[in-house]
Protein backbone atom coordinates (compact mmCIF):
# COMPACT_ATOMS: atom_id res chain seq x y z
CA MET A 1 96.49 90.72 119.04
CA GLU A 2 98.00 93.74 120.80
CA ARG A 3 100.57 95.19 118.37
CA VAL A 4 99.81 95.98 114.75
CA ALA A 5 101.94 97.45 111.97
CA ILE A 6 99.94 99.83 109.78
CA VAL A 7 101.49 99.97 106.31
CA LEU A 8 100.40 103.06 104.40
CA ALA A 9 100.14 102.24 100.71
CA ALA A 10 97.36 104.57 99.54
CA GLY A 11 99.55 107.14 97.80
CA ARG A 12 99.15 107.54 94.06
CA GLY A 13 102.85 108.13 93.43
CA GLU A 14 102.59 110.74 90.66
CA ARG A 15 106.11 112.00 91.34
CA LEU A 16 107.44 108.48 90.87
CA GLY A 17 106.24 108.62 87.28
CA SER A 18 104.26 105.39 87.51
CA SER A 19 100.84 104.72 86.03
CA GLU A 20 99.91 102.65 89.09
CA PRO A 21 100.01 103.43 92.83
CA LYS A 22 103.52 103.57 94.23
CA ALA A 23 103.04 100.61 96.57
CA PHE A 24 102.11 98.33 93.66
CA VAL A 25 105.24 99.13 91.65
CA GLU A 26 107.65 96.19 91.53
CA VAL A 27 111.21 96.49 92.73
CA ALA A 28 113.52 93.47 92.66
CA GLY A 29 110.63 91.34 91.44
CA HIS A 30 108.15 92.19 94.19
CA PRO A 31 105.73 95.05 94.88
CA VAL A 32 107.01 97.78 97.17
CA LEU A 33 104.13 96.98 99.55
CA GLU A 34 105.29 93.39 99.87
CA HIS A 35 108.85 94.36 100.77
CA SER A 36 107.68 96.64 103.59
CA ALA A 37 104.95 94.36 104.89
CA ARG A 38 107.20 91.31 105.06
CA ALA A 39 110.03 93.22 106.76
CA LEU A 40 107.74 94.49 109.51
CA ALA A 41 106.05 91.12 109.89
CA ALA A 42 109.47 89.62 110.62
CA ALA A 43 109.76 91.71 113.79
CA PRO A 44 109.05 89.50 116.82
CA SER A 45 106.85 92.13 118.46
CA VAL A 46 104.54 92.58 115.46
CA ASP A 47 101.36 90.52 115.84
CA ALA A 48 99.71 91.62 112.59
CA VAL A 49 100.13 93.80 109.53
CA LEU A 50 97.32 96.06 108.28
CA PRO A 51 97.72 97.35 104.69
CA VAL A 52 96.00 100.64 103.82
CA LEU A 53 95.39 100.85 100.07
CA PRO A 54 93.95 103.39 97.65
CA ALA A 55 90.17 103.58 97.84
CA GLY A 56 88.57 101.09 95.48
CA MET A 57 91.81 99.15 94.96
CA LEU A 58 91.71 96.62 97.79
CA ASP A 59 92.28 93.81 95.30
CA GLY A 60 95.80 95.19 94.94
CA ALA A 61 96.79 93.13 97.99
CA GLU A 62 95.83 89.81 96.39
CA SER A 63 99.40 89.05 95.33
CA LEU A 64 100.62 89.90 98.83
CA ARG A 65 98.07 87.54 100.34
CA ALA A 66 98.98 84.78 97.89
CA ALA A 67 102.69 85.06 98.72
CA TRP A 68 102.22 85.40 102.49
CA ASP A 69 104.02 82.53 104.24
CA LEU A 70 104.73 84.17 107.62
CA ASP A 71 103.24 83.38 111.02
CA THR A 72 102.39 87.04 111.57
CA VAL A 73 98.75 87.75 110.73
CA LEU A 74 98.07 89.63 107.50
CA LEU A 75 94.82 91.52 108.03
CA ASP A 76 92.51 92.29 105.13
CA PRO A 77 93.40 95.66 103.60
CA ILE A 78 91.29 98.73 104.23
CA ASN A 79 90.63 101.85 102.16
CA GLY A 80 92.88 104.83 102.64
CA GLY A 81 91.80 108.46 102.45
CA LYS A 82 92.56 111.42 100.24
CA THR A 83 95.50 112.37 102.47
CA ARG A 84 98.11 110.41 104.40
CA GLN A 85 96.60 111.66 107.66
CA GLN A 86 93.13 110.47 106.66
CA SER A 87 94.56 107.06 105.78
CA VAL A 88 96.07 106.78 109.25
CA TYR A 89 92.77 107.90 110.78
CA ASN A 90 90.91 105.21 108.82
CA ALA A 91 93.30 102.56 110.12
CA VAL A 92 93.09 103.74 113.72
CA ARG A 93 89.31 103.81 113.72
CA TRP A 94 89.17 100.36 112.09
CA LEU A 95 91.44 98.91 114.75
CA LEU A 96 89.46 100.48 117.57
CA GLU A 97 86.25 98.98 116.20
CA TYR A 98 87.39 95.55 115.03
CA GLN A 99 90.56 94.83 117.04
CA PRO A 100 89.87 96.39 120.47
CA ALA A 101 92.76 94.54 122.13
CA VAL A 102 95.35 96.47 120.11
CA CYS A 103 97.33 98.91 122.26
CA TRP A 104 100.45 99.63 120.13
CA VAL A 105 100.78 100.51 116.45
CA TRP A 106 103.61 101.09 114.04
CA VAL A 107 102.82 103.56 111.26
CA HIS A 108 105.01 102.95 108.24
CA ASP A 109 105.15 104.32 104.71
CA ALA A 110 105.21 101.38 102.30
CA ALA A 111 107.50 103.43 100.05
CA ARG A 112 110.28 102.93 102.62
CA CYS A 113 110.76 99.40 101.37
CA PHE A 114 114.19 98.95 102.95
CA VAL A 115 112.79 98.97 106.48
CA SER A 116 113.98 96.13 108.71
CA ALA A 117 112.57 94.11 111.57
CA GLU A 118 115.30 95.60 113.75
CA ASP A 119 114.01 99.11 112.96
CA ALA A 120 110.57 98.11 114.22
CA GLU A 121 111.90 96.61 117.44
CA ARG A 122 114.16 99.55 118.31
CA VAL A 123 111.43 102.13 117.83
CA LEU A 124 108.96 100.12 119.91
CA ALA A 125 111.46 99.90 122.78
CA ALA A 126 111.88 103.69 122.72
CA ALA A 127 108.13 104.28 122.53
CA ALA A 128 107.54 102.15 125.61
CA LYS A 129 108.93 104.96 127.77
CA THR A 130 106.45 107.71 126.82
CA GLY A 131 104.02 106.20 124.33
CA ALA A 132 105.61 107.60 121.16
CA ALA A 133 108.86 107.32 119.22
CA LEU A 134 110.35 107.55 115.74
CA PRO A 135 113.67 107.01 113.94
CA VAL A 136 115.62 110.08 112.80
CA ILE A 137 118.82 110.77 110.90
CA PRO A 138 121.04 113.86 111.29
CA ILE A 139 121.29 116.56 108.66
CA HIS A 140 124.84 117.11 107.42
CA GLU A 141 124.16 119.99 105.04
CA THR A 142 123.82 123.63 106.05
CA VAL A 143 120.14 124.54 106.35
CA LYS A 144 118.84 127.98 105.36
CA ARG A 145 115.41 129.36 106.22
CA VAL A 146 114.24 131.25 103.12
CA VAL A 147 111.40 133.78 103.14
CA SER A 148 110.21 135.67 100.04
CA GLY A 149 113.27 134.69 98.04
CA HIS A 150 115.97 135.60 100.55
CA VAL A 151 117.68 133.97 103.52
CA SER A 152 116.15 134.97 106.81
CA GLN A 153 118.15 132.65 109.04
CA THR A 154 120.77 129.89 109.07
CA GLU A 155 119.57 127.05 111.26
CA ASP A 156 121.71 125.15 113.76
CA ARG A 157 121.85 121.79 112.05
CA ARG A 158 123.09 120.11 115.25
CA GLU A 159 119.48 120.24 116.43
CA LEU A 160 117.89 119.26 113.12
CA PHE A 161 117.06 115.72 112.02
CA LEU A 162 115.08 114.04 109.26
CA ALA A 163 112.10 111.95 110.37
CA GLN A 164 111.64 108.40 109.14
CA THR A 165 109.15 105.60 109.65
CA PRO A 166 108.10 103.30 111.24
CA GLN A 167 106.82 105.54 113.98
CA VAL A 168 105.33 103.82 117.03
CA PHE A 169 102.51 104.98 119.31
CA ARG A 170 100.15 103.81 121.95
CA LEU A 171 96.94 103.53 119.98
CA GLU A 172 94.97 105.79 122.32
CA ILE A 173 97.61 108.52 122.09
CA LEU A 174 97.53 108.43 118.30
CA ARG A 175 93.73 108.45 118.29
CA GLU A 176 93.68 111.48 120.57
CA ALA A 177 96.23 113.27 118.37
CA LEU A 178 94.21 112.58 115.23
CA ASP A 179 90.98 113.72 116.89
CA LYS A 180 92.60 116.96 118.01
CA ALA A 181 94.07 117.59 114.55
CA ALA A 182 90.64 117.08 112.99
CA ARG A 183 89.03 119.52 115.42
CA ASP A 184 91.77 122.10 114.83
CA HIS A 185 91.84 121.57 111.03
CA VAL A 186 95.54 120.71 111.18
CA GLN A 187 97.33 118.59 108.60
CA GLY A 188 100.59 117.19 109.91
CA THR A 189 103.45 116.00 107.74
CA ASP A 190 103.79 112.89 109.90
CA CYS A 191 102.04 111.28 112.87
CA ALA A 192 104.69 112.34 115.36
CA SER A 193 104.02 116.02 114.64
CA LEU A 194 100.38 115.49 115.63
CA VAL A 195 101.31 113.67 118.82
CA GLU A 196 103.70 116.48 119.72
CA ARG A 197 100.71 118.85 119.74
CA LEU A 198 99.32 116.89 122.70
CA GLY A 199 102.42 117.66 124.75
CA VAL A 200 103.49 114.01 124.67
CA GLU A 201 107.24 113.46 124.75
CA VAL A 202 108.24 111.75 121.50
CA ASN A 203 111.42 109.73 121.83
CA VAL A 204 113.86 109.14 118.98
CA VAL A 205 116.22 106.38 117.91
CA ASP A 206 118.96 106.45 115.31
CA GLY A 207 117.49 105.86 111.88
CA ARG A 208 119.28 104.36 108.90
CA ARG A 209 120.06 106.19 105.68
CA GLU A 210 119.33 102.93 103.87
CA ASN A 211 115.70 103.26 104.99
CA TRP A 212 114.91 105.98 102.46
CA LYS A 213 111.58 106.69 100.77
CA LEU A 214 110.87 106.08 97.08
CA THR A 215 109.56 109.39 95.77
CA GLU A 216 110.86 110.39 92.34
CA ALA A 217 111.28 108.56 89.04
CA GLY A 218 115.01 107.93 89.43
CA ASP A 219 114.42 106.26 92.78
CA LEU A 220 113.32 103.00 91.14
CA ASP A 221 116.73 102.42 89.60
CA ARG A 222 118.38 103.34 92.88
CA ALA A 223 116.18 100.84 94.71
CA GLU A 224 116.99 98.07 92.23
CA ARG A 225 120.70 98.69 92.77
CA GLN A 226 120.34 98.68 96.56
CA PHE A 227 118.45 95.38 96.54
CA ALA A 228 121.06 93.87 94.22
CA GLU A 229 123.90 95.01 96.48
CA SER A 230 122.17 93.62 99.58
CA ARG A 231 122.10 90.17 97.99
CA GLN A 232 125.79 90.06 97.13
């Protein structure tokens, strides 16, 4: 086992308006976690999937385990942390201790339940060059930098992109980035931002607008519609 997809599902999902964690919410008849885990598991390069769940809620993966009919290994879930970054750190340390042969990891937000196996493969191919890569999509709107209630600058949107997941890293690079962030008391908004602080070149591939992240209450209806359209 050398390549593992870490699926982050420890978020509480308050903005989604659900009484249960976001990853356990059902869309198109299946939990969000299941959609993401199965899509990544379908990628030929993925040897195993590691779910990261809210602390004390590891039994939330029982339905995923019961429905698992893929050759890709489904590892037992582990506890996430209070922050996304801590959840990633927990997964990395678990892999280093219990799966020492692992050298590549995908880090994916379960809430991006429209991820595809092709996404995983393309990002891995780009990461092979430097040890790190992620999918991005261009920004079409004008972007203003606002300070204290007024515009301080209009950004050149030709150089601005939105980050997506899955992001792929050599495991040792990600471990080093997380260690450095912990020492420096830095909280990154994604894993790639932490790796950038090491001076590692992070490659990019074209993302897909369909691979969006469930965040707010109205997103559930949007997701249901997208799944329905994909089956037509």
